[in-house]
Amino acid sequence: GLDARLDHRDVPMADNSDLALAHEMNYVLTLDDFLQQLEA
């Protein structure tokens, strides 16, 4: 009975600039490109 008491919120996708707050931007961009290839 906890689910009904929670405030369920929308979840956006992070921007690459958000991820670069903690990660190397080159890593973020390289991983982004690689994972987009897997999507395709």
PDB file of all heavy atoms in Angstrom:
ATOM      1  N   GLY A   1       0.786  -1.220   0.000  1.00  0.00           N
ATOM      2  CA  GLY A   1       0.000   0.000   0.000  1.00  0.00           C
ATOM      3  C   GLY A   1       0.821   1.273   0.000  1.00  0.00           C
ATOM      4  O   GLY A   1       0.290   2.362   0.257  1.00  0.00           O
ATOM      5  N   LEU A   2       2.095   1.167  -0.334  1.00  0.00           N
ATOM      6  CA  LEU A   2       2.972   2.334  -0.328  1.00  0.00           C
ATOM      7  C   LEU A   2       2.912   3.105  -1.639  1.00  0.00           C
ATOM      8  O   LEU A   2       3.089   4.324  -1.660  1.00  0.00           O
ATOM      9  CB  LEU A   2       4.419   1.904  -0.053  1.00  0.00           C
ATOM     10  CG  LEU A   2       4.661   1.183   1.274  1.00  0.00           C
ATOM     11  CD1 LEU A   2       6.106   0.704   1.355  1.00  0.00           C
ATOM     12  CD2 LEU A   2       4.328   2.095   2.452  1.00  0.00           C
ATOM     13  N   ASP A   3       2.677   2.389  -2.723  1.00  0.00           N
ATOM     14  CA  ASP A   3       2.683   3.006  -4.043  1.00  0.00           C
ATOM     15  C   ASP A   3       1.717   4.184  -4.123  1.00  0.00           C
ATOM     16  O   ASP A   3       2.056   5.236  -4.666  1.00  0.00           O
ATOM     17  CB  ASP A   3       2.339   1.959  -5.101  1.00  0.00           C
ATOM     18  CG  ASP A   3       2.320   2.527  -6.500  1.00  0.00           C
ATOM     19  OD1 ASP A   3       3.399   2.808  -7.040  1.00  0.00           O
ATOM     20  OD2 ASP A   3       1.214   2.699  -7.041  1.00  0.00           O
ATOM     21  N   ALA A   4       0.530   4.016  -3.587  1.00  0.00           N
ATOM     22  CA  ALA A   4      -0.494   5.064  -3.677  1.00  0.00           C
ATOM     23  C   ALA A   4      -0.153   6.284  -2.839  1.00  0.00           C
ATOM     24  O   ALA A   4      -0.704   7.370  -3.063  1.00  0.00           O
ATOM     25  CB  ALA A   4      -1.850   4.500  -3.238  1.00  0.00           C
ATOM     26  N   ARG A   5       0.765   6.137  -1.914  1.00  0.00           N
ATOM     27  CA  ARG A   5       1.150   7.257  -1.048  1.00  0.00           C
ATOM     28  C   ARG A   5       2.316   8.057  -1.617  1.00  0.00           C
ATOM     29  O   ARG A   5       2.639   9.136  -1.100  1.00  0.00           O
ATOM     30  CB  ARG A   5       1.512   6.741   0.349  1.00  0.00           C
ATOM     31  CG  ARG A   5       0.346   6.059   1.062  1.00  0.00           C
ATOM     32  CD  ARG A   5       0.812   5.321   2.314  1.00  0.00           C
ATOM     33  NE  ARG A   5       1.504   6.210   3.231  1.00  0.00           N
ATOM     34  CZ  ARG A   5       2.167   5.776   4.307  1.00  0.00           C
ATOM     35  NH1 ARG A   5       2.252   4.469   4.565  1.00  0.00           N
ATOM     36  NH2 ARG A   5       2.771   6.632   5.112  1.00  0.00           N
ATOM     37  N   LEU A   6       2.945   7.530  -2.642  1.00  0.00           N
ATOM     38  CA  LEU A   6       4.106   8.191  -3.225  1.00  0.00           C
ATOM     39  C   LEU A   6       3.673   9.209  -4.272  1.00  0.00           C
ATOM     40  O   LEU A   6       2.635   9.076  -4.913  1.00  0.00           O
ATOM     41  CB  LEU A   6       5.023   7.162  -3.881  1.00  0.00           C
ATOM     42  CG  LEU A   6       5.700   6.161  -2.936  1.00  0.00           C
ATOM     43  CD1 LEU A   6       6.294   5.004  -3.729  1.00  0.00           C
ATOM     44  CD2 LEU A   6       6.766   6.845  -2.093  1.00  0.00           C
ATOM     45  N   ASP A   7       4.499  10.225  -4.461  1.00  0.00           N
ATOM     46  CA  ASP A   7       4.287  11.233  -5.503  1.00  0.00           C
ATOM     47  C   ASP A   7       5.102  10.810  -6.722  1.00  0.00           C
ATOM     48  O   ASP A   7       6.318  11.005  -6.778  1.00  0.00           O
ATOM     49  CB  ASP A   7       4.732  12.601  -4.988  1.00  0.00           C
ATOM     50  CG  ASP A   7       4.393  13.737  -5.939  1.00  0.00           C
ATOM     51  OD1 ASP A   7       4.076  13.458  -7.110  1.00  0.00           O
ATOM     52  OD2 ASP A   7       4.460  14.907  -5.508  1.00  0.00           O
ATOM     53  N   HIS A   8       4.433  10.194  -7.685  1.00  0.00           N
ATOM     54  CA  HIS A   8       5.118   9.691  -8.881  1.00  0.00           C
ATOM     55  C   HIS A   8       5.431  10.859  -9.810  1.00  0.00           C
ATOM     56  O   HIS A   8       4.541  11.609 -10.195  1.00  0.00           O
ATOM     57  CB  HIS A   8       4.252   8.658  -9.582  1.00  0.00           C
ATOM     58  CG  HIS A   8       4.076   7.399  -8.791  1.00  0.00           C
ATOM     59  ND1 HIS A   8       4.706   6.225  -9.116  1.00  0.00           N
ATOM     60  CD2 HIS A   8       3.347   7.137  -7.672  1.00  0.00           C
ATOM     61  CE1 HIS A   8       4.368   5.283  -8.257  1.00  0.00           C
ATOM     62  NE2 HIS A   8       3.539   5.817  -7.365  1.00  0.00           N
ATOM     63  N   ARG A   9       6.685  10.974 -10.202  1.00  0.00           N
ATOM     64  CA  ARG A   9       7.143  12.120 -10.979  1.00  0.00           C
ATOM     65  C   ARG A   9       7.654  11.710 -12.358  1.00  0.00           C
ATOM     66  O   ARG A   9       8.165  10.605 -12.545  1.00  0.00           O
ATOM     67  CB  ARG A   9       8.262  12.845 -10.219  1.00  0.00           C
ATOM     68  CG  ARG A   9       7.803  13.514  -8.913  1.00  0.00           C
ATOM     69  CD  ARG A   9       6.745  14.584  -9.190  1.00  0.00           C
ATOM     70  NE  ARG A   9       6.378  15.335  -8.016  1.00  0.00           N
ATOM     71  CZ  ARG A   9       6.859  16.552  -7.706  1.00  0.00           C
ATOM     72  NH1 ARG A   9       7.729  17.135  -8.518  1.00  0.00           N
ATOM     73  NH2 ARG A   9       6.454  17.164  -6.622  1.00  0.00           N
ATOM     74  N   ASP A  10       7.529  12.644 -13.296  1.00  0.00           N
ATOM     75  CA  ASP A  10       8.096  12.440 -14.622  1.00  0.00           C
ATOM     76  C   ASP A  10       9.622  12.422 -14.536  1.00  0.00           C
ATOM     77  O   ASP A  10      10.220  13.124 -13.710  1.00  0.00           O
ATOM     78  CB  ASP A  10       7.664  13.558 -15.576  1.00  0.00           C
ATOM     79  CG  ASP A  10       6.185  13.503 -15.906  1.00  0.00           C
ATOM     80  OD1 ASP A  10       5.609  12.402 -15.829  1.00  0.00           O
ATOM     81  OD2 ASP A  10       5.616  14.564 -16.229  1.00  0.00           O
ATOM     82  N   VAL A  11      10.215  11.632 -15.401  1.00  0.00           N
ATOM     83  CA  VAL A  11      11.672  11.501 -15.418  1.00  0.00           C
ATOM     84  C   VAL A  11      12.187  11.871 -16.801  1.00  0.00           C
ATOM     85  O   VAL A  11      11.968  11.144 -17.774  1.00  0.00           O
ATOM     86  CB  VAL A  11      12.108  10.070 -15.051  1.00  0.00           C
ATOM     87  CG1 VAL A  11      13.603   9.892 -15.277  1.00  0.00           C
ATOM     88  CG2 VAL A  11      11.743   9.766 -13.604  1.00  0.00           C
ATOM     89  N   PRO A  12      12.893  12.989 -16.929  1.00  0.00           N
ATOM     90  CA  PRO A  12      13.484  13.358 -18.215  1.00  0.00           C
ATOM     91  C   PRO A  12      14.780  12.590 -18.461  1.00  0.00           C
ATOM     92  O   PRO A  12      15.343  11.987 -17.545  1.00  0.00           O
ATOM     93  CB  PRO A  12      13.771  14.846 -18.036  1.00  0.00           C
ATOM     94  CG  PRO A  12      14.091  14.969 -16.579  1.00  0.00           C
ATOM     95  CD  PRO A  12      13.192  13.984 -15.878  1.00  0.00           C
ATOM     96  N   MET A  13      15.249  12.619 -19.683  1.00  0.00           N
ATOM     97  CA  MET A  13      16.585  12.114 -19.966  1.00  0.00           C
ATOM     98  C   MET A  13      17.593  13.196 -19.612  1.00  0.00           C
ATOM     99  O   MET A  13      17.374  14.377 -19.866  1.00  0.00           O
ATOM    100  CB  MET A  13      16.712  11.722 -21.434  1.00  0.00           C
ATOM    101  CG  MET A  13      15.830  10.562 -21.832  1.00  0.00           C
ATOM    102  SD  MET A  13      16.028  10.050 -23.555  1.00  0.00           S
ATOM    103  CE  MET A  13      17.618   9.216 -23.477  1.00  0.00           C
ATOM    104  N   ALA A  14      18.685  12.801 -19.006  1.00  0.00           N
ATOM    105  CA  ALA A  14      19.749  13.759 -18.713  1.00  0.00           C
ATOM    106  C   ALA A  14      20.335  14.286 -20.015  1.00  0.00           C
ATOM    107  O   ALA A  14      20.334  13.609 -21.049  1.00  0.00           O
ATOM    108  CB  ALA A  14      20.840  13.091 -17.888  1.00  0.00           C
ATOM    109  N   ASP A  15      20.828  15.511 -19.979  1.00  0.00           N
ATOM    110  CA  ASP A  15      21.604  16.049 -21.083  1.00  0.00           C
ATOM    111  C   ASP A  15      23.057  15.614 -20.927  1.00  0.00           C
ATOM    112  O   ASP A  15      23.535  15.352 -19.814  1.00  0.00           O
ATOM    113  CB  ASP A  15      21.544  17.582 -21.086  1.00  0.00           C
ATOM    114  CG  ASP A  15      20.158  18.111 -21.423  1.00  0.00           C
ATOM    115  OD1 ASP A  15      19.427  17.442 -22.184  1.00  0.00           O
ATOM    116  OD2 ASP A  15      19.812  19.193 -20.909  1.00  0.00           O
ATOM    117  N   ASN A  16      23.776  15.586 -22.043  1.00  0.00           N
ATOM    118  CA  ASN A  16      25.199  15.243 -21.953  1.00  0.00           C
ATOM    119  C   ASN A  16      25.961  16.232 -21.088  1.00  0.00           C
ATOM    120  O   ASN A  16      26.919  15.865 -20.404  1.00  0.00           O
ATOM    121  CB  ASN A  16      25.805  15.166 -23.349  1.00  0.00           C
ATOM    122  CG  ASN A  16      25.379  13.920 -24.101  1.00  0.00           C
ATOM    123  OD1 ASN A  16      24.836  12.984 -23.506  1.00  0.00           O
ATOM    124  ND2 ASN A  16      25.601  13.897 -25.405  1.00  0.00           N
ATOM    125  N   SER A  17      25.531  17.469 -21.074  1.00  0.00           N
ATOM    126  CA  SER A  17      26.185  18.464 -20.216  1.00  0.00           C
ATOM    127  C   SER A  17      25.957  18.152 -18.740  1.00  0.00           C
ATOM    128  O   SER A  17      26.822  18.431 -17.904  1.00  0.00           O
ATOM    129  CB  SER A  17      25.677  19.872 -20.555  1.00  0.00           C
ATOM    130  OG  SER A  17      24.270  19.955 -20.380  1.00  0.00           O
ATOM    131  N   ASP A  18      24.801  17.560 -18.414  1.00  0.00           N
ATOM    132  CA  ASP A  18      24.566  17.124 -17.039  1.00  0.00           C
ATOM    133  C   ASP A  18      25.542  16.018 -16.654  1.00  0.00           C
ATOM    134  O   ASP A  18      26.131  16.034 -15.562  1.00  0.00           O
ATOM    135  CB  ASP A  18      23.141  16.576 -16.875  1.00  0.00           C
ATOM    136  CG  ASP A  18      22.056  17.599 -17.118  1.00  0.00           C
ATOM    137  OD1 ASP A  18      22.242  18.764 -16.718  1.00  0.00           O
ATOM    138  OD2 ASP A  18      21.027  17.237 -17.718  1.00  0.00           O
ATOM    139  N   LEU A  19      25.705  15.059 -17.528  1.00  0.00           N
ATOM    140  CA  LEU A  19      26.583  13.927 -17.244  1.00  0.00           C
ATOM    141  C   LEU A  19      28.034  14.371 -17.112  1.00  0.00           C
ATOM    142  O   LEU A  19      28.805  13.807 -16.329  1.00  0.00           O
ATOM    143  CB  LEU A  19      26.443  12.884 -18.350  1.00  0.00           C
ATOM    144  CG  LEU A  19      25.016  12.329 -18.530  1.00  0.00           C
ATOM    145  CD1 LEU A  19      24.930  11.489 -19.790  1.00  0.00           C
ATOM    146  CD2 LEU A  19      24.590  11.541 -17.313  1.00  0.00           C
ATOM    147  N   ALA A  20      28.400  15.418 -17.853  1.00  0.00           N
ATOM    148  CA  ALA A  20      29.772  15.923 -17.811  1.00  0.00           C
ATOM    149  C   ALA A  20      30.086  16.647 -16.501  1.00  0.00           C
ATOM    150  O   ALA A  20      31.250  17.002 -16.266  1.00  0.00           O
ATOM    151  CB  ALA A  20      30.031  16.843 -19.000  1.00  0.00           C
ATOM    152  N   LEU A  21      29.098  16.866 -15.656  1.00  0.00           N
ATOM    153  CA  LEU A  21      29.390  17.388 -14.322  1.00  0.00           C
ATOM    154  C   LEU A  21      30.236  16.399 -13.520  1.00  0.00           C
ATOM    155  O   LEU A  21      30.993  16.794 -12.638  1.00  0.00           O
ATOM    156  CB  LEU A  21      28.086  17.674 -13.563  1.00  0.00           C
ATOM    157  CG  LEU A  21      27.211  18.801 -14.098  1.00  0.00           C
ATOM    158  CD1 LEU A  21      25.857  18.787 -13.401  1.00  0.00           C
ATOM    159  CD2 LEU A  21      27.899  20.154 -13.907  1.00  0.00           C
ATOM    160  N   ALA A  22      30.090  15.100 -13.824  1.00  0.00           N
ATOM    161  CA  ALA A  22      30.809  14.074 -13.081  1.00  0.00           C
ATOM    162  C   ALA A  22      31.726  13.222 -13.949  1.00  0.00           C
ATOM    163  O   ALA A  22      32.588  12.522 -13.419  1.00  0.00           O
ATOM    164  CB  ALA A  22      29.808  13.160 -12.354  1.00  0.00           C
ATOM    165  N   HIS A  23      31.521  13.260 -15.259  1.00  0.00           N
ATOM    166  CA  HIS A  23      32.271  12.390 -16.160  1.00  0.00           C
ATOM    167  C   HIS A  23      33.024  13.206 -17.204  1.00  0.00           C
ATOM    168  O   HIS A  23      32.650  14.344 -17.503  1.00  0.00           O
ATOM    169  CB  HIS A  23      31.324  11.419 -16.872  1.00  0.00           C
ATOM    170  CG  HIS A  23      30.678  10.441 -15.952  1.00  0.00           C
ATOM    171  ND1 HIS A  23      31.312   9.310 -15.503  1.00  0.00           N
ATOM    172  CD2 HIS A  23      29.433  10.439 -15.380  1.00  0.00           C
ATOM    173  CE1 HIS A  23      30.505   8.638 -14.704  1.00  0.00           C
ATOM    174  NE2 HIS A  23      29.358   9.307 -14.602  1.00  0.00           N
ATOM    175  N   GLU A  24      34.066  12.612 -17.761  1.00  0.00           N
ATOM    176  CA  GLU A  24      34.783  13.248 -18.857  1.00  0.00           C
ATOM    177  C   GLU A  24      33.850  13.374 -20.060  1.00  0.00           C
ATOM    178  O   GLU A  24      33.192  12.406 -20.437  1.00  0.00           O
ATOM    179  CB  GLU A  24      36.005  12.423 -19.233  1.00  0.00           C
ATOM    180  CG  GLU A  24      37.029  12.284 -18.111  1.00  0.00           C
ATOM    181  CD  GLU A  24      38.082  11.216 -18.407  1.00  0.00           C
ATOM    182  OE1 GLU A  24      38.007  10.606 -19.505  1.00  0.00           O
ATOM    183  OE2 GLU A  24      38.946  10.990 -17.546  1.00  0.00           O
ATOM    184  N   MET A  25      33.808  14.545 -20.657  1.00  0.00           N
ATOM    185  CA  MET A  25      32.904  14.745 -21.784  1.00  0.00           C
ATOM    186  C   MET A  25      33.235  13.799 -22.936  1.00  0.00           C
ATOM    187  O   MET A  25      32.319  13.299 -23.623  1.00  0.00           O
ATOM    188  CB  MET A  25      32.941  16.200 -22.266  1.00  0.00           C
ATOM    189  CG  MET A  25      32.005  16.476 -23.438  1.00  0.00           C
ATOM    190  SD  MET A  25      30.254  16.084 -23.119  1.00  0.00           S
ATOM    191  CE  MET A  25      29.706  17.672 -22.456  1.00  0.00           C
ATOM    192  N   ASN A  26      34.492  13.509 -23.166  1.00  0.00           N
ATOM    193  CA  ASN A  26      34.849  12.586 -24.237  1.00  0.00           C
ATOM    194  C   ASN A  26      34.253  11.210 -23.983  1.00  0.00           C
ATOM    195  O   ASN A  26      33.779  10.539 -24.921  1.00  0.00           O
ATOM    196  CB  ASN A  26      36.368  12.483 -24.372  1.00  0.00           C
ATOM    197  CG  ASN A  26      36.768  11.585 -25.529  1.00  0.00           C
ATOM    198  OD1 ASN A  26      36.475  11.864 -26.683  1.00  0.00           O
ATOM    199  ND2 ASN A  26      37.458  10.492 -25.207  1.00  0.00           N
ATOM    200  N   TYR A  27      34.255  10.787 -22.731  1.00  0.00           N
ATOM    201  CA  TYR A  27      33.635   9.503 -22.377  1.00  0.00           C
ATOM    202  C   TYR A  27      32.142   9.540 -22.656  1.00  0.00           C
ATOM    203  O   TYR A  27      31.580   8.596 -23.238  1.00  0.00           O
ATOM    204  CB  TYR A  27      33.900   9.206 -20.899  1.00  0.00           C
ATOM    205  CG  TYR A  27      33.050   8.096 -20.324  1.00  0.00           C
ATOM    206  CD1 TYR A  27      33.277   6.771 -20.675  1.00  0.00           C
ATOM    207  CD2 TYR A  27      32.027   8.374 -19.416  1.00  0.00           C
ATOM    208  CE1 TYR A  27      32.500   5.746 -20.140  1.00  0.00           C
ATOM    209  CE2 TYR A  27      31.252   7.366 -18.879  1.00  0.00           C
ATOM    210  CZ  TYR A  27      31.494   6.054 -19.243  1.00  0.00           C
ATOM    211  OH  TYR A  27      30.720   5.044 -18.716  1.00  0.00           O
ATOM    212  N   VAL A  28      31.472  10.612 -22.247  1.00  0.00           N
ATOM    213  CA  VAL A  28      30.024  10.737 -22.456  1.00  0.00           C
ATOM    214  C   VAL A  28      29.686  10.675 -23.941  1.00  0.00           C
ATOM    215  O   VAL A  28      28.788   9.938 -24.363  1.00  0.00           O
ATOM    216  CB  VAL A  28      29.499  12.046 -21.833  1.00  0.00           C
ATOM    217  CG1 VAL A  28      28.021  12.255 -22.169  1.00  0.00           C
ATOM    218  CG2 VAL A  28      29.711  12.051 -20.319  1.00  0.00           C
ATOM    219  N   LEU A  29      30.417  11.437 -24.753  1.00  0.00           N
ATOM    220  CA  LEU A  29      30.121  11.504 -26.181  1.00  0.00           C
ATOM    221  C   LEU A  29      30.439  10.196 -26.888  1.00  0.00           C
ATOM    222  O   LEU A  29      29.691   9.753 -27.769  1.00  0.00           O
ATOM    223  CB  LEU A  29      30.903  12.655 -26.821  1.00  0.00           C
ATOM    224  CG  LEU A  29      30.525  14.063 -26.337  1.00  0.00           C
ATOM    225  CD1 LEU A  29      31.433  15.096 -26.975  1.00  0.00           C
ATOM    226  CD2 LEU A  29      29.062  14.370 -26.631  1.00  0.00           C
ATOM    227  N   THR A  30      31.557   9.564 -26.507  1.00  0.00           N
ATOM    228  CA  THR A  30      31.924   8.289 -27.122  1.00  0.00           C
ATOM    229  C   THR A  30      30.899   7.211 -26.786  1.00  0.00           C
ATOM    230  O   THR A  30      30.475   6.431 -27.658  1.00  0.00           O
ATOM    231  CB  THR A  30      33.324   7.855 -26.656  1.00  0.00           C
ATOM    232  OG1 THR A  30      34.281   8.852 -27.030  1.00  0.00           O
ATOM    233  CG2 THR A  30      33.715   6.524 -27.279  1.00  0.00           C
ATOM    234  N   LEU A  31      30.476   7.156 -25.520  1.00  0.00           N
ATOM    235  CA  LEU A  31      29.475   6.182 -25.112  1.00  0.00           C
ATOM    236  C   LEU A  31      28.135   6.466 -25.788  1.00  0.00           C
ATOM    237  O   LEU A  31      27.436   5.538 -26.233  1.00  0.00           O
ATOM    238  CB  LEU A  31      29.322   6.197 -23.588  1.00  0.00           C
ATOM    239  CG  LEU A  31      28.397   5.137 -22.981  1.00  0.00           C
ATOM    240  CD1 LEU A  31      28.871   3.734 -23.334  1.00  0.00           C
ATOM    241  CD2 LEU A  31      28.311   5.314 -21.461  1.00  0.00           C
ATOM    242  N   ASP A  32      27.785   7.737 -25.893  1.00  0.00           N
ATOM    243  CA  ASP A  32      26.539   8.122 -26.560  1.00  0.00           C
ATOM    244  C   ASP A  32      26.535   7.621 -28.005  1.00  0.00           C
ATOM    245  O   ASP A  32      25.563   7.007 -28.472  1.00  0.00           O
ATOM    246  CB  ASP A  32      26.394   9.643 -26.510  1.00  0.00           C
ATOM    247  CG  ASP A  32      25.001  10.112 -26.909  1.00  0.00           C
ATOM    248  OD1 ASP A  32      24.123   9.275 -27.161  1.00  0.00           O
ATOM    249  OD2 ASP A  32      24.788  11.339 -26.963  1.00  0.00           O
ATOM    250  N   ASP A  33      27.611   7.848 -28.718  1.00  0.00           N
ATOM    251  CA  ASP A  33      27.704   7.404 -30.111  1.00  0.00           C
ATOM    252  C   ASP A  33      27.632   5.884 -30.217  1.00  0.00           C
ATOM    253  O   ASP A  33      26.918   5.335 -31.072  1.00  0.00           O
ATOM    254  CB  ASP A  33      29.001   7.921 -30.721  1.00  0.00           C
ATOM    255  CG  ASP A  33      29.153   7.540 -32.181  1.00  0.00           C
ATOM    256  OD1 ASP A  33      28.347   8.005 -33.006  1.00  0.00           O
ATOM    257  OD2 ASP A  33      30.065   6.749 -32.495  1.00  0.00           O
ATOM    258  N   PHE A  34      28.336   5.196 -29.344  1.00  0.00           N
ATOM    259  CA  PHE A  34      28.359   3.734 -29.362  1.00  0.00           C
ATOM    260  C   PHE A  34      26.966   3.165 -29.099  1.00  0.00           C
ATOM    261  O   PHE A  34      26.511   2.251 -29.806  1.00  0.00           O
ATOM    262  CB  PHE A  34      29.347   3.236 -28.310  1.00  0.00           C
ATOM    263  CG  PHE A  34      29.370   1.743 -28.133  1.00  0.00           C
ATOM    264  CD1 PHE A  34      29.977   0.923 -29.067  1.00  0.00           C
ATOM    265  CD2 PHE A  34      28.774   1.151 -27.020  1.00  0.00           C
ATOM    266  CE1 PHE A  34      30.000  -0.460 -28.901  1.00  0.00           C
ATOM    267  CE2 PHE A  34      28.791  -0.226 -26.845  1.00  0.00           C
ATOM    268  CZ  PHE A  34      29.407  -1.026 -27.791  1.00  0.00           C
ATOM    269  N   LEU A  35      26.273   3.709 -28.099  1.00  0.00           N
ATOM    270  CA  LEU A  35      24.954   3.188 -27.747  1.00  0.00           C
ATOM    271  C   LEU A  35      23.909   3.526 -28.815  1.00  0.00           C
ATOM    272  O   LEU A  35      22.973   2.747 -29.040  1.00  0.00           O
ATOM    273  CB  LEU A  35      24.525   3.718 -26.381  1.00  0.00           C
ATOM    274  CG  LEU A  35      25.386   3.243 -25.202  1.00  0.00           C
ATOM    275  CD1 LEU A  35      24.897   3.866 -23.902  1.00  0.00           C
ATOM    276  CD2 LEU A  35      25.403   1.722 -25.088  1.00  0.00           C
ATOM    277  N   GLN A  36      24.060   4.663 -29.472  1.00  0.00           N
ATOM    278  CA  GLN A  36      23.160   4.969 -30.585  1.00  0.00           C
ATOM    279  C   GLN A  36      23.362   3.982 -31.739  1.00  0.00           C
ATOM    280  O   GLN A  36      22.394   3.622 -32.426  1.00  0.00           O
ATOM    281  CB  GLN A  36      23.373   6.406 -31.056  1.00  0.00           C
ATOM    282  CG  GLN A  36      22.821   7.450 -30.082  1.00  0.00           C
ATOM    283  CD  GLN A  36      22.789   8.835 -30.691  1.00  0.00           C
ATOM    284  OE1 GLN A  36      22.170   9.050 -31.721  1.00  0.00           O
ATOM    285  NE2 GLN A  36      23.459   9.777 -30.044  1.00  0.00           N
ATOM    286  N   GLN A  37      24.586   3.541 -31.952  1.00  0.00           N
ATOM    287  CA  GLN A  37      24.833   2.520 -32.974  1.00  0.00           C
ATOM    288  C   GLN A  37      24.127   1.213 -32.622  1.00  0.00           C
ATOM    289  O   GLN A  37      23.559   0.545 -33.495  1.00  0.00           O
ATOM    290  CB  GLN A  37      26.332   2.276 -33.122  1.00  0.00           C
ATOM    291  CG  GLN A  37      27.093   3.437 -33.738  1.00  0.00           C
ATOM    292  CD  GLN A  37      28.570   3.130 -33.879  1.00  0.00           C
ATOM    293  OE1 GLN A  37      28.962   2.022 -34.241  1.00  0.00           O
ATOM    294  NE2 GLN A  37      29.413   4.100 -33.576  1.00  0.00           N
ATOM    295  N   LEU A  38      24.136   0.841 -31.339  1.00  0.00           N
ATOM    296  CA  LEU A  38      23.441  -0.375 -30.915  1.00  0.00           C
ATOM    297  C   LEU A  38      21.934  -0.237 -31.099  1.00  0.00           C
ATOM    298  O   LEU A  38      21.257  -1.205 -31.456  1.00  0.00           O
ATOM    299  CB  LEU A  38      23.761  -0.698 -29.453  1.00  0.00           C
ATOM    300  CG  LEU A  38      25.211  -1.039 -29.107  1.00  0.00           C
ATOM    301  CD1 LEU A  38      25.297  -1.545 -27.679  1.00  0.00           C
ATOM    302  CD2 LEU A  38      25.790  -2.064 -30.068  1.00  0.00           C
ATOM    303  N   GLU A  39      21.403   0.964 -30.843  1.00  0.00           N
ATOM    304  CA  GLU A  39      19.982   1.199 -31.092  1.00  0.00           C
ATOM    305  C   GLU A  39      19.646   0.947 -32.560  1.00  0.00           C
ATOM    306  O   GLU A  39      18.586   0.395 -32.890  1.00  0.00           O
ATOM    307  CB  GLU A  39      19.604   2.638 -30.718  1.00  0.00           C
ATOM    308  CG  GLU A  39      19.552   2.924 -29.229  1.00  0.00           C
ATOM    309  CD  GLU A  39      19.162   4.356 -28.924  1.00  0.00           C
ATOM    310  OE1 GLU A  39      19.466   5.245 -29.757  1.00  0.00           O
ATOM    311  OE2 GLU A  39      18.574   4.601 -27.864  1.00  0.00           O
ATOM    312  N   ALA A  40      20.551   1.361 -33.437  1.00  0.00           N
ATOM    313  CA  ALA A  40      20.297   1.236 -34.872  1.00  0.00           C
ATOM    314  C   ALA A  40      20.465  -0.194 -35.374  1.00  0.00           C
ATOM    315  O   ALA A  40      19.731  -0.639 -36.260  1.00  0.00           O
ATOM    316  CB  ALA A  40      21.232   2.177 -35.638  1.00  0.00           C
TER     317      ALA A  40
END
